[in-house]
Amino acid sequence: MQSENTHWRLNLFGRVELVGDGVVISNFGTARAAKLLVLFSLSRSGEMSRERLADLVWPDDD
């Protein structure tokens, strides 16, 4: 069981993995879910507009 102070690491090389306190999470259900995790983690403020997010995750949908 993770404590409140668990430090998480996001591995971006190869398979996307979230690692913390001996737990490895690599199944995010869909590639888009993993992409969302990566996008939010790389966002400096942790915030992103809906329009920007939609453009990054669904670039071909107009």
C-alpha atoms as a PDB file:
ATOM      1  CA  MET A   1       0.000   0.000   0.000  1.00  0.00           C
ATOM      2  CA  GLN A   2       1.367   3.409  -0.973  1.00  0.00           C
ATOM      3  CA  SER A   3       1.773   6.078   1.647  1.00  0.00           C
ATOM      4  CA  GLU A   4       0.968   9.726   1.092  1.00  0.00           C
ATOM      5  CA  ASN A   5       4.688  10.348   0.634  1.00  0.00           C
ATOM      6  CA  THR A   6       5.273   7.869  -2.175  1.00  0.00           C
ATOM      7  CA  HIS A   7       7.486   9.340  -4.867  1.00  0.00           C
ATOM      8  CA  TRP A   8       6.403   8.422  -8.372  1.00  0.00           C
ATOM      9  CA  ARG A   9       8.621   8.238 -11.432  1.00  0.00           C
ATOM     10  CA  LEU A  10       7.295   8.312 -14.978  1.00  0.00           C
ATOM     11  CA  ASN A  11       9.407   6.354 -17.446  1.00  0.00           C
ATOM     12  CA  LEU A  12       9.011   7.713 -20.968  1.00  0.00           C
ATOM     13  CA  PHE A  13      11.658   5.735 -22.833  1.00  0.00           C
ATOM     14  CA  GLY A  14      10.299   2.546 -24.319  1.00  0.00           C
ATOM     15  CA  ARG A  15       7.037   1.622 -22.667  1.00  0.00           C
ATOM     16  CA  VAL A  16       5.331   4.312 -20.572  1.00  0.00           C
ATOM     17  CA  GLU A  17       5.500   3.222 -16.931  1.00  0.00           C
ATOM     18  CA  LEU A  18       4.555   4.835 -13.651  1.00  0.00           C
ATOM     19  CA  VAL A  19       6.781   3.490 -10.859  1.00  0.00           C
ATOM     20  CA  GLY A  20       6.452   4.102  -7.150  1.00  0.00           C
ATOM     21  CA  ASP A  21       6.994   2.256  -3.883  1.00  0.00           C
ATOM     22  CA  GLY A  22       7.796  -1.018  -5.647  1.00  0.00           C
ATOM     23  CA  VAL A  23       4.713  -0.818  -7.862  1.00  0.00           C
ATOM     24  CA  VAL A  24       4.948  -0.592 -11.654  1.00  0.00           C
ATOM     25  CA  ILE A  25       1.909   0.571 -13.593  1.00  0.00           C
ATOM     26  CA  SER A  26       2.247   0.104 -17.327  1.00  0.00           C
ATOM     27  CA  ASN A  27      -1.276  -0.746 -18.423  1.00  0.00           C
ATOM     28  CA  PHE A  28      -3.274   2.433 -18.833  1.00  0.00           C
ATOM     29  CA  GLY A  29      -6.100   0.804 -20.772  1.00  0.00           C
ATOM     30  CA  THR A  30      -5.466   2.668 -24.002  1.00  0.00           C
ATOM     31  CA  ALA A  31      -2.602   4.411 -25.743  1.00  0.00           C
ATOM     32  CA  ARG A  32      -4.560   7.665 -25.452  1.00  0.00           C
ATOM     33  CA  ALA A  33      -4.773   7.318 -21.671  1.00  0.00           C
ATOM     34  CA  ALA A  34      -0.989   6.875 -21.501  1.00  0.00           C
ATOM     35  CA  LYS A  35      -0.553   9.864 -23.818  1.00  0.00           C
ATOM     36  CA  LEU A  36      -2.739  12.001 -21.550  1.00  0.00           C
ATOM     37  CA  LEU A  37      -0.613  11.063 -18.533  1.00  0.00           C
ATOM     38  CA  VAL A  38       2.542  12.025 -20.410  1.00  0.00           C
ATOM     39  CA  LEU A  39       1.085  15.304 -21.692  1.00  0.00           C
ATOM     40  CA  PHE A  40      -0.067  16.430 -18.250  1.00  0.00           C
ATOM     41  CA  SER A  41       3.204  15.407 -16.615  1.00  0.00           C
ATOM     42  CA  LEU A  42       5.195  17.434 -19.152  1.00  0.00           C
ATOM     43  CA  SER A  43       2.981  20.485 -18.786  1.00  0.00           C
ATOM     44  CA  ARG A  44       4.817  22.993 -16.605  1.00  0.00           C
ATOM     45  CA  SER A  45       1.712  24.185 -14.796  1.00  0.00           C
ATOM     46  CA  GLY A  46      -0.151  20.873 -14.858  1.00  0.00           C
ATOM     47  CA  GLU A  47      -2.896  22.651 -16.771  1.00  0.00           C
ATOM     48  CA  MET A  48      -3.802  22.566 -20.430  1.00  0.00           C
ATOM     49  CA  SER A  49      -6.683  24.065 -22.377  1.00  0.00           C
ATOM     50  CA  ARG A  50      -9.277  21.718 -23.835  1.00  0.00           C
ATOM     51  CA  GLU A  51      -8.476  22.958 -27.320  1.00  0.00           C
ATOM     52  CA  ARG A  52      -4.738  22.276 -26.976  1.00  0.00           C
ATOM     53  CA  LEU A  53      -5.386  18.883 -25.426  1.00  0.00           C
ATOM     54  CA  ALA A  54      -7.803  17.936 -28.209  1.00  0.00           C
ATOM     55  CA  ASP A  55      -5.289  19.004 -30.857  1.00  0.00           C
ATOM     56  CA  LEU A  56      -2.550  16.865 -29.273  1.00  0.00           C
ATOM     57  CA  VAL A  57      -4.617  13.754 -28.581  1.00  0.00           C
ATOM     58  CA  TRP A  58      -6.970  13.813 -31.567  1.00  0.00           C
ATOM     59  CA  PRO A  59      -5.021  15.704 -34.263  1.00  0.00           C
ATOM     60  CA  ASP A  60      -7.024  14.353 -37.213  1.00  0.00           C
ATOM     61  CA  ASP A  61     -10.474  14.964 -35.768  1.00  0.00           C
ATOM     62  CA  ASP A  62     -11.966  18.259 -36.872  1.00  0.00           C
END
